[in-house]
C-alpha atoms as a PDB file:
ATOM      1  CA  MET A   1     150.499 125.320  50.161  1.00  0.00           C
ATOM      2  CA  PRO A   2     151.255 128.617  48.611  1.00  0.00           C
ATOM      3  CA  GLU A   3     148.106 129.897  46.660  1.00  0.00           C
ATOM      4  CA  LEU A   4     147.880 132.749  43.898  1.00  0.00           C
ATOM      5  CA  ARG A   5     144.974 135.964  44.631  1.00  0.00           C
ATOM      6  CA  GLN A   6     143.940 138.236  42.204  1.00  0.00           C
ATOM      7  CA  ASP A   7     143.006 141.633  43.038  1.00  0.00           C
ATOM      8  CA  ILE A   8     139.595 141.805  40.992  1.00  0.00           C
ATOM      9  CA  VAL A   9     140.224 145.750  40.311  1.00  0.00           C
ATOM     10  CA  THR A  10     143.964 145.598  39.012  1.00  0.00           C
ATOM     11  CA  GLY A  11     144.065 142.063  37.977  1.00  0.00           C
ATOM     12  CA  GLN A  12     147.618 141.697  39.677  1.00  0.00           C
ATOM     13  CA  TRP A  13     148.723 138.327  41.001  1.00  0.00           C
ATOM     14  CA  VAL A  14     149.614 138.131  44.597  1.00  0.00           C
ATOM     15  CA  VAL A  15     151.597 135.050  46.554  1.00  0.00           C
ATOM     16  CA  VAL A  16     150.215 134.052  49.667  1.00  0.00           C
ATOM     17  CA  ALA A  17     153.245 132.466  51.268  1.00  0.00           C
ATOM     18  CA  ALA A  18     152.336 131.708  55.037  1.00  0.00           C
ATOM     19  CA  GLU A  19     154.821 129.022  55.083  1.00  0.00           C
ATOM     20  CA  ARG A  20     157.398 131.816  55.021  1.00  0.00           C
ATOM     21  CA  ALA A  21     157.044 133.513  58.170  1.00  0.00           C
ATOM     22  CA  ARG A  22     156.040 131.190  60.832  1.00  0.00           C
ATOM     23  CA  ARG A  23     156.565 133.974  63.576  1.00  0.00           C
ATOM     24  CA  PRO A  24     154.983 137.235  64.974  1.00  0.00           C
ATOM     25  CA  THR A  25     159.128 138.346  65.380  1.00  0.00           C
ATOM     26  CA  ASP A  26     159.602 137.592  61.910  1.00  0.00           C
ATOM     27  CA  PHE A  27     157.744 141.126  60.819  1.00  0.00           C
ATOM     28  CA  THR A  28     159.942 142.806  63.153  1.00  0.00           C
ATOM     29  CA  ARG A  29     162.851 145.281  62.253  1.00  0.00           C
ATOM     30  CA  PRO A  30     166.062 143.191  63.342  1.00  0.00           C
ATOM     31  CA  PRO A  31     169.229 144.655  64.485  1.00  0.00           C
ATOM     32  CA  ARG A  32     172.235 144.404  61.637  1.00  0.00           C
ATOM     33  CA  PRO A  33     172.776 140.600  62.108  1.00  0.00           C
ATOM     34  CA  GLU A  34     176.389 139.289  62.729  1.00  0.00           C
ATOM     35  CA  ALA A  35     178.604 137.072  60.180  1.00  0.00           C
ATOM     36  CA  GLU A  36     176.477 133.875  59.507  1.00  0.00           C
ATOM     37  CA  ASP A  37     178.385 130.811  62.009  1.00  0.00           C
ATOM     38  CA  ARG A  38     179.320 128.353  58.651  1.00  0.00           C
ATOM     39  CA  ALA A  39     178.453 125.451  61.291  1.00  0.00           C
ATOM     40  CA  THR A  40     175.317 126.406  61.056  1.00  0.00           C
ATOM     41  CA  CYS A  41     174.614 127.923  57.670  1.00  0.00           C
ATOM     42  CA  PRO A  42     173.073 124.867  55.438  1.00  0.00           C
ATOM     43  CA  PHE A  43     175.294 126.131  52.552  1.00  0.00           C
ATOM     44  CA  CYS A  44     178.433 125.213  53.669  1.00  0.00           C
ATOM     45  CA  PRO A  45     180.271 122.463  52.601  1.00  0.00           C
ATOM     46  CA  GLY A  46     179.336 119.109  55.105  1.00  0.00           C
ATOM     47  CA  ASN A  47     175.730 120.731  56.008  1.00  0.00           C
ATOM     48  CA  GLU A  48     174.815 119.367  53.109  1.00  0.00           C
ATOM     49  CA  LEU A  49     171.672 117.432  54.587  1.00  0.00           C
ATOM     50  CA  MET A  50     170.469 120.601  56.193  1.00  0.00           C
ATOM     51  CA  THR A  51     168.556 121.264  53.194  1.00  0.00           C
ATOM     52  CA  PRO A  52     165.964 119.573  50.860  1.00  0.00           C
ATOM     53  CA  LEU A  53     167.945 116.600  49.307  1.00  0.00           C
ATOM     54  CA  GLU A  54     170.039 117.914  45.606  1.00  0.00           C
ATOM     55  CA  THR A  55     168.546 117.716  42.168  1.00  0.00           C
ATOM     56  CA  LEU A  56     171.744 118.966  40.965  1.00  0.00           C
ATOM     57  CA  ALA A  57     175.631 119.114  41.816  1.00  0.00           C
ATOM     58  CA  VAL A  58     178.094 119.453  39.697  1.00  0.00           C
ATOM     59  CA  ARG A  59     180.301 117.512  41.749  1.00  0.00           C
ATOM     60  CA  PRO A  60     183.908 114.338  40.521  1.00  0.00           C
ATOM     61  CA  THR A  61     182.140 111.631  39.002  1.00  0.00           C
ATOM     62  CA  GLY A  62     181.922 109.494  41.746  1.00  0.00           C
ATOM     63  CA  SER A  63     181.130 111.423  44.918  1.00  0.00           C
ATOM     64  CA  GLU A  64     178.078 110.515  46.861  1.00  0.00           C
ATOM     65  CA  PRO A  65     175.043 112.645  46.391  1.00  0.00           C
ATOM     66  CA  ASN A  66     174.690 115.028  49.731  1.00  0.00           C
ATOM     67  CA  THR A  67     178.189 115.271  50.533  1.00  0.00           C
ATOM     68  CA  PRO A  68     181.135 117.972  50.184  1.00  0.00           C
ATOM     69  CA  GLY A  69     182.910 117.896  47.092  1.00  0.00           C
ATOM     70  CA  TRP A  70     180.308 120.011  44.763  1.00  0.00           C
ATOM     71  CA  SER A  71     181.203 123.136  42.782  1.00  0.00           C
ATOM     72  CA  VAL A  72     177.829 123.771  42.520  1.00  0.00           C
ATOM     73  CA  ARG A  73     174.438 122.515  44.257  1.00  0.00           C
ATOM     74  CA  VAL A  74     171.019 123.113  43.656  1.00  0.00           C
ATOM     75  CA  VAL A  75     168.276 122.106  46.431  1.00  0.00           C
ATOM     76  CA  PRO A  76     164.516 122.639  46.378  1.00  0.00           C
ATOM     77  CA  ASN A  77     163.497 125.882  48.349  1.00  0.00           C
ATOM     78  CA  LYS A  78     162.658 123.872  51.759  1.00  0.00           C
ATOM     79  CA  PHE A  79     159.945 127.564  52.070  1.00  0.00           C
ATOM     80  CA  PRO A  80     159.130 127.184  48.732  1.00  0.00           C
ATOM     81  CA  VAL A  81     156.851 129.978  47.202  1.00  0.00           C
ATOM     82  CA  PHE A  82     155.474 127.944  44.131  1.00  0.00           C
ATOM     83  CA  GLU A  83     155.352 123.538  44.596  1.00  0.00           C
ATOM     84  CA  SER A  84     153.053 120.953  43.640  1.00  0.00           C
ATOM     85  CA  GLY A  85     151.460 118.757  45.267  1.00  0.00           C
ATOM     86  CA  GLY A  86     148.304 120.808  47.198  1.00  0.00           C
ATOM     87  CA  PRO A  87     144.955 120.140  47.769  1.00  0.00           C
ATOM     88  CA  PRO A  88     143.184 122.371  45.114  1.00  0.00           C
ATOM     89  CA  VAL A  89     141.736 125.657  45.687  1.00  0.00           C
ATOM     90  CA  SER A  90     138.816 127.372  44.522  1.00  0.00           C
ATOM     91  CA  GLY A  91     137.496 130.855  44.537  1.00  0.00           C
ATOM     92  CA  THR A  92     135.066 133.160  43.452  1.00  0.00           C
ATOM     93  CA  ALA A  93     134.258 135.631  40.717  1.00  0.00           C
ATOM     94  CA  LEU A  94     135.003 138.327  43.500  1.00  0.00           C
ATOM     95  CA  PHE A  95     138.148 136.725  44.928  1.00  0.00           C
ATOM     96  CA  PRO A  96     139.875 134.945  42.476  1.00  0.00           C
ATOM     97  CA  ARG A  97     142.307 132.291  44.122  1.00  0.00           C
ATOM     98  CA  ARG A  98     144.381 128.967  42.742  1.00  0.00           C
ATOM     99  CA  ASN A  99     146.768 127.355  43.676  1.00  0.00           C
ATOM    100  CA  ALA A 100     150.778 128.763  43.166  1.00  0.00           C
ATOM    101  CA  GLU A 101     151.649 125.374  41.029  1.00  0.00           C
ATOM    102  CA  GLY A 102     155.277 125.304  39.977  1.00  0.00           C
ATOM    103  CA  ILE A 103     158.748 124.930  41.136  1.00  0.00           C
ATOM    104  CA  HIS A 104     160.746 126.435  43.747  1.00  0.00           C
ATOM    105  CA  GLU A 105     164.787 125.790  43.576  1.00  0.00           C
ATOM    106  CA  VAL A 106     167.884 127.092  45.394  1.00  0.00           C
ATOM    107  CA  ILE A 107     171.319 127.848  43.257  1.00  0.00           C
ATOM    108  CA  ILE A 108     174.138 127.365  45.958  1.00  0.00           C
ATOM    109  CA  HIS A 109     177.225 129.550  43.662  1.00  0.00           C
ATOM    110  CA  SER A 110     180.529 127.935  45.696  1.00  0.00           C
ATOM    111  CA  PRO A 111     181.385 125.972  48.294  1.00  0.00           C
ATOM    112  CA  ASP A 112     183.029 129.107  49.652  1.00  0.00           C
ATOM    113  CA  HIS A 113     180.792 131.005  52.304  1.00  0.00           C
ATOM    114  CA  ASP A 114     182.288 134.458  51.452  1.00  0.00           C
ATOM    115  CA  ALA A 115     182.093 134.009  47.780  1.00  0.00           C
ATOM    116  CA  SER A 116     179.671 136.209  45.766  1.00  0.00           C
ATOM    117  CA  LEU A 117     179.104 136.821  41.870  1.00  0.00           C
ATOM    118  CA  ALA A 118     181.866 139.708  42.278  1.00  0.00           C
ATOM    119  CA  THR A 119     185.002 138.073  43.482  1.00  0.00           C
ATOM    120  CA  LEU A 120     184.120 133.424  42.304  1.00  0.00           C
ATOM    121  CA  GLU A 121     187.193 133.372  39.319  1.00  0.00           C
ATOM    122  CA  PRO A 122     184.672 134.156  35.953  1.00  0.00           C
ATOM    123  CA  ASP A 123     185.192 129.918  35.394  1.00  0.00           C
ATOM    124  CA  GLN A 124     183.208 129.024  38.346  1.00  0.00           C
ATOM    125  CA  VAL A 125     180.376 132.356  37.498  1.00  0.00           C
ATOM    126  CA  GLU A 126     180.339 130.385  33.483  1.00  0.00           C
ATOM    127  CA  LEU A 127     179.420 127.361  35.785  1.00  0.00           C
ATOM    128  CA  ILE A 128     176.956 128.303  37.535  1.00  0.00           C
ATOM    129  CA  LEU A 129     175.007 129.725  34.248  1.00  0.00           C
ATOM    130  CA  ARG A 130     175.693 126.614  32.689  1.00  0.00           C
ATOM    131  CA  VAL A 131     173.805 125.348  36.037  1.00  0.00           C
ATOM    132  CA  TYR A 132     170.601 128.314  34.950  1.00  0.00           C
ATOM    133  CA  ARG A 133     170.527 127.214  30.857  1.00  0.00           C
ATOM    134  CA  GLN A 134     170.521 123.418  32.851  1.00  0.00           C
ATOM    135  CA  ARG A 135     167.395 123.747  35.252  1.00  0.00           C
ATOM    136  CA  TYR A 136     166.033 126.048  32.483  1.00  0.00           C
ATOM    137  CA  ARG A 137     165.894 123.093  30.093  1.00  0.00           C
ATOM    138  CA  ALA A 138     165.157 120.630  32.793  1.00  0.00           C
ATOM    139  CA  HIS A 139     161.423 122.452  33.479  1.00  0.00           C
ATOM    140  CA  ARG A 140     160.066 124.461  29.936  1.00  0.00           C
ATOM    141  CA  GLU A 141     158.654 121.552  29.755  1.00  0.00           C
ATOM    142  CA  ASN A 142     156.931 121.218  32.651  1.00  0.00           C
ATOM    143  CA  PRO A 143     152.889 121.839  31.560  1.00  0.00           C
ATOM    144  CA  SER A 144     152.310 123.821  34.985  1.00  0.00           C
ATOM    145  CA  ILE A 145     155.026 126.341  34.562  1.00  0.00           C
ATOM    146  CA  ARG A 146     154.482 128.913  32.461  1.00  0.00           C
ATOM    147  CA  TYR A 147     157.343 131.198  32.666  1.00  0.00           C
ATOM    148  CA  LEU A 148     160.401 130.233  34.976  1.00  0.00           C
ATOM    149  CA  HIS A 149     162.424 133.296  36.553  1.00  0.00           C
ATOM    150  CA  PHE A 150     165.850 133.750  37.705  1.00  0.00           C
ATOM    151  CA  ILE A 151     166.751 135.856  40.537  1.00  0.00           C
ATOM    152  CA  ILE A 152     170.004 137.043  43.003  1.00  0.00           C
ATOM    153  CA  ASN A 153     169.265 138.519  46.283  1.00  0.00           C
ATOM    154  CA  HIS A 154     172.710 139.333  47.297  1.00  0.00           C
ATOM    155  CA  GLY A 155     173.104 141.368  50.773  1.00  0.00           C
ATOM    156  CA  ARG A 156     170.117 141.094  53.602  1.00  0.00           C
ATOM    157  CA  GLU A 157     168.306 144.310  52.684  1.00  0.00           C
ATOM    158  CA  SER A 158     167.418 143.206  49.071  1.00  0.00           C
ATOM    159  CA  GLY A 159     165.908 139.810  50.309  1.00  0.00           C
ATOM    160  CA  ALA A 160     168.462 137.364  50.849  1.00  0.00           C
ATOM    161  CA  SER A 161     167.715 134.629  53.398  1.00  0.00           C
ATOM    162  CA  ARG A 162     171.671 133.812  53.865  1.00  0.00           C
ATOM    163  CA  GLU A 163     174.580 135.105  53.673  1.00  0.00           C
ATOM    164  CA  HIS A 164     176.288 132.352  51.418  1.00  0.00           C
ATOM    165  CA  SER A 165     175.355 133.669  47.924  1.00  0.00           C
ATOM    166  CA  HIS A 166     172.993 131.924  45.699  1.00  0.00           C
ATOM    167  CA  SER A 167     170.485 132.099  43.228  1.00  0.00           C
ATOM    168  CA  GLN A 168     166.718 131.467  42.938  1.00  0.00           C
ATOM    169  CA  LEU A 169     164.340 129.527  39.836  1.00  0.00           C
ATOM    170  CA  PHE A 170     160.386 129.727  40.594  1.00  0.00           C
ATOM    171  CA  GLY A 171     158.887 128.216  38.310  1.00  0.00           C
ATOM    172  CA  VAL A 172     155.309 130.298  37.642  1.00  0.00           C
ATOM    173  CA  PRO A 173     152.031 129.015  36.746  1.00  0.00           C
ATOM    174  CA  LEU A 174     151.719 132.660  34.587  1.00  0.00           C
ATOM    175  CA  VAL A 175     153.180 135.160  33.351  1.00  0.00           C
ATOM    176  CA  PRO A 176     154.515 137.762  35.495  1.00  0.00           C
ATOM    177  CA  PRO A 177     152.841 141.558  34.617  1.00  0.00           C
ATOM    178  CA  LEU A 178     155.885 142.955  34.140  1.00  0.00           C
ATOM    179  CA  VAL A 179     157.517 140.346  31.679  1.00  0.00           C
ATOM    180  CA  HIS A 180     153.528 140.689  30.077  1.00  0.00           C
ATOM    181  CA  GLN A 181     154.235 144.106  29.480  1.00  0.00           C
ATOM    182  CA  GLU A 182     157.882 143.555  27.889  1.00  0.00           C
ATOM    183  CA  LEU A 183     156.445 141.872  25.909  1.00  0.00           C
ATOM    184  CA  ALA A 184     153.526 143.742  24.379  1.00  0.00           C
ATOM    185  CA  GLY A 185     155.398 146.423  23.778  1.00  0.00           C
ATOM    186  CA  ALA A 186     157.799 144.297  22.127  1.00  0.00           C
ATOM    187  CA  SER A 187     155.367 143.039  20.266  1.00  0.00           C
ATOM    188  CA  TRP A 188     153.894 146.037  18.749  1.00  0.00           C
ATOM    189  CA  HIS A 189     157.632 147.776  17.684  1.00  0.00           C
ATOM    190  CA  GLN A 190     158.082 144.537  15.758  1.00  0.00           C
ATOM    191  CA  THR A 191     154.672 145.029  13.890  1.00  0.00           C
ATOM    192  CA  SER A 192     154.560 148.462  13.556  1.00  0.00           C
ATOM    193  CA  ARG A 193     158.761 149.041  13.199  1.00  0.00           C
ATOM    194  CA  GLY A 194     159.585 145.788  11.693  1.00  0.00           C
ATOM    195  CA  GLU A 195     162.366 145.705  14.150  1.00  0.00           C
ATOM    196  CA  CYS A 196     163.481 143.775  17.462  1.00  0.00           C
ATOM    197  CA  VAL A 197     162.834 146.982  19.866  1.00  0.00           C
ATOM    198  CA  PHE A 198     165.971 145.570  22.447  1.00  0.00           C
ATOM    199  CA  CYS A 199     167.936 145.201  19.437  1.00  0.00           C
ATOM    200  CA  ARG A 200     167.505 148.537  18.005  1.00  0.00           C
ATOM    201  CA  ILE A 201     167.797 149.980  21.808  1.00  0.00           C
ATOM    202  CA  THR A 202     171.044 148.186  21.892  1.00  0.00           C
ATOM    203  CA  SER A 203     172.709 149.518  18.472  1.00  0.00           C
ATOM    204  CA  GLU A 204     171.427 152.802  19.037  1.00  0.00           C
ATOM    205  CA  GLU A 205     173.080 153.158  22.721  1.00  0.00           C
ATOM    206  CA  MET A 206     176.393 151.707  21.121  1.00  0.00           C
ATOM    207  CA  ASP A 207     176.030 154.151  18.414  1.00  0.00           C
ATOM    208  CA  GLY A 208     175.639 157.113  21.514  1.00  0.00           C
ATOM    209  CA  VAL A 209     178.113 155.425  23.940  1.00  0.00           C
ATOM    210  CA  ARG A 210     177.001 157.836  26.756  1.00  0.00           C
ATOM    211  CA  ARG A 211     175.050 155.031  28.820  1.00  0.00           C
ATOM    212  CA  VAL A 212     176.882 152.370  28.151  1.00  0.00           C
ATOM    213  CA  VAL A 213     179.070 150.962  30.796  1.00  0.00           C
ATOM    214  CA  LEU A 214     180.872 147.949  28.783  1.00  0.00           C
ATOM    215  CA  ARG A 215     180.328 146.130  25.576  1.00  0.00           C
ATOM    216  CA  THR A 216     182.194 143.034  24.855  1.00  0.00           C
ATOM    217  CA  LYS A 217     182.058 140.632  21.662  1.00  0.00           C
ATOM    218  CA  LYS A 218     178.770 138.967  22.952  1.00  0.00           C
ATOM    219  CA  TYR A 219     177.004 141.324  25.033  1.00  0.00           C
ATOM    220  CA  VAL A 220     176.717 145.469  25.912  1.00  0.00           C
ATOM    221  CA  VAL A 221     175.799 146.712  29.812  1.00  0.00           C
ATOM    222  CA  ILE A 222     173.762 150.061  29.383  1.00  0.00           C
ATOM    223  CA  ALA A 223     172.093 152.121  32.144  1.00  0.00           C
ATOM    224  CA  PRO A 224     168.493 152.047  30.656  1.00  0.00           C
ATOM    225  CA  PHE A 225     167.146 155.415  29.210  1.00  0.00           C
ATOM    226  CA  ALA A 226     163.879 155.477  31.646  1.00  0.00           C
ATOM    227  CA  SER A 227     166.027 153.603  34.348  1.00  0.00           C
ATOM    228  CA  ARG A 228     163.771 153.042  37.418  1.00  0.00           C
ATOM    229  CA  LEU A 229     166.458 153.852  40.050  1.00  0.00           C
ATOM    230  CA  PRO A 230     170.397 154.938  40.382  1.00  0.00           C
ATOM    231  CA  PHE A 231     172.122 152.310  38.991  1.00  0.00           C
ATOM    232  CA  GLU A 232     169.930 150.523  37.216  1.00  0.00           C
ATOM    233  CA  LEU A 233     172.235 148.310  34.588  1.00  0.00           C
ATOM    234  CA  TRP A 234     170.558 146.032  32.147  1.00  0.00           C
ATOM    235  CA  VAL A 235     172.323 143.344  30.029  1.00  0.00           C
ATOM    236  CA  LEU A 236     171.613 143.133  27.031  1.00  0.00           C
ATOM    237  CA  PRO A 237     173.037 139.988  24.354  1.00  0.00           C
ATOM    238  CA  ARG A 238     174.305 141.419  20.859  1.00  0.00           C
ATOM    239  CA  GLU A 239     172.756 138.339  18.804  1.00  0.00           C
ATOM    240  CA  HIS A 240     169.408 138.269  18.973  1.00  0.00           C
ATOM    241  CA  GLN A 241     168.017 135.869  21.207  1.00  0.00           C
ATOM    242  CA  GLU A 242     164.191 134.854  22.610  1.00  0.00           C
ATOM    243  CA  SER A 243     164.811 132.640  25.424  1.00  0.00           C
ATOM    244  CA  PHE A 244     168.042 132.237  27.458  1.00  0.00           C
ATOM    245  CA  ASP A 245     168.690 128.356  26.647  1.00  0.00           C
ATOM    246  CA  MET A 246     169.322 129.281  23.567  1.00  0.00           C
ATOM    247  CA  VAL A 247     173.023 130.888  24.451  1.00  0.00           C
ATOM    248  CA  ASP A 248     175.979 128.481  23.427  1.00  0.00           C
ATOM    249  CA  ASP A 249     178.446 127.743  24.981  1.00  0.00           C
ATOM    250  CA  GLU A 250     181.295 130.890  24.164  1.00  0.00           C
ATOM    251  CA  GLN A 251     178.272 133.110  25.236  1.00  0.00           C
ATOM    252  CA  LEU A 252     178.273 131.366  28.522  1.00  0.00           C
ATOM    253  CA  GLU A 253     181.770 132.250  28.611  1.00  0.00           C
ATOM    254  CA  ASP A 254     181.343 136.085  28.068  1.00  0.00           C
ATOM    255  CA  LEU A 255     178.464 136.660  29.910  1.00  0.00           C
ATOM    256  CA  ALA A 256     180.303 134.482  33.135  1.00  0.00           C
ATOM    257  CA  HIS A 257     182.603 137.622  32.274  1.00  0.00           C
ATOM    258  CA  VAL A 258     180.547 140.289  32.267  1.00  0.00           C
ATOM    259  CA  MET A 259     178.682 139.661  34.951  1.00  0.00           C
ATOM    260  CA  LYS A 260     181.441 139.517  37.101  1.00  0.00           C
ATOM    261  CA  ASP A 261     183.092 142.103  36.277  1.00  0.00           C
ATOM    262  CA  VAL A 262     179.833 144.634  36.651  1.00  0.00           C
ATOM    263  CA  LEU A 263     178.549 143.156  39.824  1.00  0.00           C
ATOM    264  CA  GLY A 264     182.721 144.060  40.328  1.00  0.00           C
ATOM    265  CA  ARG A 265     181.510 147.990  39.636  1.00  0.00           C
ATOM    266  CA  TYR A 266     179.172 148.289  42.431  1.00  0.00           C
ATOM    267  CA  ARG A 267     181.290 146.461  45.132  1.00  0.00           C
ATOM    268  CA  GLU A 268     184.201 148.934  44.158  1.00  0.00           C
ATOM    269  CA  GLY A 269     182.053 151.946  43.601  1.00  0.00           C
ATOM    270  CA  PHE A 270     179.593 151.399  46.430  1.00  0.00           C
ATOM    271  CA  ASP A 271     181.308 149.431  49.167  1.00  0.00           C
ATOM    272  CA  ASP A 272     179.587 146.114  48.525  1.00  0.00           C
ATOM    273  CA  PRO A 273     175.838 147.200  48.157  1.00  0.00           C
ATOM    274  CA  PRO A 274     173.381 144.741  48.215  1.00  0.00           C
ATOM    275  CA  TYR A 275     171.960 143.930  45.399  1.00  0.00           C
ATOM    276  CA  ASN A 276     168.685 142.760  43.271  1.00  0.00           C
ATOM    277  CA  ALA A 277     169.458 140.540  39.980  1.00  0.00           C
ATOM    278  CA  TYR A 278     166.980 138.846  37.575  1.00  0.00           C
ATOM    279  CA  LEU A 279     166.584 137.066  34.326  1.00  0.00           C
ATOM    280  CA  HIS A 280     163.534 138.259  31.832  1.00  0.00           C
ATOM    281  CA  THR A 281     163.519 135.791  29.225  1.00  0.00           C
ATOM    282  CA  SER A 282     160.675 134.475  27.157  1.00  0.00           C
ATOM    283  CA  PRO A 283     157.604 132.432  28.342  1.00  0.00           C
ATOM    284  CA  CYS A 284     157.629 128.658  27.881  1.00  0.00           C
ATOM    285  CA  ASP A 285     154.325 128.484  27.159  1.00  0.00           C
ATOM    286  CA  GLY A 286     155.082 126.701  23.691  1.00  0.00           C
ATOM    287  CA  THR A 287     154.424 129.960  22.254  1.00  0.00           C
ATOM    288  CA  GLU A 288     157.152 131.206  20.315  1.00  0.00           C
ATOM    289  CA  TYR A 289     157.913 134.905  20.972  1.00  0.00           C
ATOM    290  CA  PRO A 290     160.614 136.053  17.877  1.00  0.00           C
ATOM    291  CA  TYR A 291     159.427 139.696  19.071  1.00  0.00           C
ATOM    292  CA  TYR A 292     161.241 139.472  22.647  1.00  0.00           C
ATOM    293  CA  HIS A 293     164.642 139.304  23.437  1.00  0.00           C
ATOM    294  CA  TRP A 294     166.085 137.580  26.702  1.00  0.00           C
ATOM    295  CA  HIS A 295     168.130 140.083  29.436  1.00  0.00           C
ATOM    296  CA  PHE A 296     169.276 140.566  32.569  1.00  0.00           C
ATOM    297  CA  GLU A 297     168.232 143.364  34.833  1.00  0.00           C
ATOM    298  CA  LEU A 298     170.575 144.637  37.923  1.00  0.00           C
ATOM    299  CA  ILE A 299     169.348 146.985  40.164  1.00  0.00           C
ATOM    300  CA  PRO A 300     171.798 147.891  43.454  1.00  0.00           C
ATOM    301  CA  LYS A 301     170.111 149.130  46.710  1.00  0.00           C
ATOM    302  CA  LEU A 302     170.946 152.764  47.436  1.00  0.00           C
ATOM    303  CA  THR A 303     167.648 154.248  48.042  1.00  0.00           C
ATOM    304  CA  THR A 304     164.406 153.103  49.687  1.00  0.00           C
ATOM    305  CA  PRO A 305     161.512 153.035  47.295  1.00  0.00           C
ATOM    306  CA  GLY A 306     158.503 155.357  49.317  1.00  0.00           C
ATOM    307  CA  GLY A 307     154.985 155.544  49.298  1.00  0.00           C
ATOM    308  CA  PHE A 308     155.136 157.421  45.504  1.00  0.00           C
ATOM    309  CA  GLU A 309     156.299 154.782  44.093  1.00  0.00           C
ATOM    310  CA  MET A 310     154.095 152.251  45.848  1.00  0.00           C
ATOM    311  CA  GLY A 311     150.638 153.861  45.492  1.00  0.00           C
ATOM    312  CA  THR A 312     151.699 155.402  41.636  1.00  0.00           C
ATOM    313  CA  SER A 313     154.134 151.917  40.288  1.00  0.00           C
ATOM    314  CA  MET A 314     156.075 155.451  39.026  1.00  0.00           C
ATOM    315  CA  TRP A 315     160.055 155.399  39.832  1.00  0.00           C
ATOM    316  CA  ILE A 316     161.839 158.469  41.204  1.00  0.00           C
ATOM    317  CA  ASN A 317     165.320 158.582  40.287  1.00  0.00           C
ATOM    318  CA  VAL A 318     167.395 160.601  41.751  1.00  0.00           C
ATOM    319  CA  THR A 319     170.417 160.089  40.205  1.00  0.00           C
ATOM    320  CA  THR A 320     170.877 160.644  35.515  1.00  0.00           C
ATOM    321  CA  PRO A 321     171.751 156.996  33.868  1.00  0.00           C
ATOM    322  CA  GLU A 322     173.911 159.253  32.060  1.00  0.00           C
ATOM    323  CA  ASP A 323     175.662 160.067  35.713  1.00  0.00           C
ATOM    324  CA  ALA A 324     175.608 156.188  36.495  1.00  0.00           C
ATOM    325  CA  SER A 325     177.147 154.822  33.735  1.00  0.00           C
ATOM    326  CA  ASP A 326     179.667 157.780  33.679  1.00  0.00           C
ATOM    327  CA  PHE A 327     180.622 156.824  37.287  1.00  0.00           C
ATOM    328  CA  LEU A 328     180.540 153.546  36.209  1.00  0.00           C
ATOM    329  CA  SER A 329     182.281 152.696  33.127  1.00  0.00           C
ATOM    330  CA  GLY A 330     185.116 155.142  34.568  1.00  0.00           C
ATOM    331  CA  ARG A 331     183.978 157.896  32.563  1.00  0.00           C
ATOM    332  CA  SER A 332     184.234 160.385  35.630  1.00  0.00           C
ATOM    333  CA  GLN A 333     185.597 159.685  38.588  1.00  0.00           C
ATOM    334  CA  GLY A 334     182.834 161.105  42.049  1.00  0.00           C
ATOM    335  CA  ALA A 335     179.217 158.990  42.185  1.00  0.00           C
ATOM    336  CA  PRO A 336     176.191 161.334  41.687  1.00  0.00           C
ATOM    337  CA  GLY A 337     175.089 162.007  44.976  1.00  0.00           C
ATOM    338  CA  LEU A 338     171.852 159.732  46.230  1.00  0.00           C
END
């Protein structure tokens, strides 16, 4: 059973999930892997029984569960970081710990082993986002979950254990530190300035243009002013919404085109680089957060953080967000040097 352990000095929580690395060789650096064999890929059609039984699948009416024919499939993670039902653990004042109660699901994007969000048709990307919304709504009332976190790890260097395109959903029993910082900053701005800071950022960036990569009827994509790493992007809804489950069908349709577009720009600009993408949304802990504004954050893995970043939690970005935006938007032809 995974557990949460807290650093008494910093207050930071760490998830200890030893079940996810069972052999000493899991910590050695392997050679670059060859293409994954579809016959042994648990996410490919025909291999449904290689995964835990599905909790949701988009499939034709009358189609049998855990068989081929699905369009998007959701299964529990075989080696979960958060799960329920384990024996309780207890800590001490100096060494606090608690069970990592929650959920951990895998959302398989498509039956196509070689597809990615950048290459799938917009209708399929929209279907994936509809599943996101459905899973959010399915878990938001769970009393052991305070935050729902969707992530996409694309490519081995991003942390993906499988080539087959997929997302993960974590139901977390506490509000993660970075989200907590964003909530605190947004609350302060609302109290002192009387406005949503994300709405103000969106408005200012659209007026300035320089850091805007893409704008549509419903969204704006920017290279944030204090980007942590090269070519980081934020996808922000132009309408103020605190939680992702507030999106309507029209917004999901537009978001599908936006996500495919910007990830396609990564693919074309950097030869299909590994990347991380994740959704920041308000907690689902029964409290309203009218000052918060959900958004996606996307970061291609083009550089490797080192000792400075790890030791200080400060980032060194070797590319300005203005240059990154110019390149990704087509306003300049050459990528800034990395």
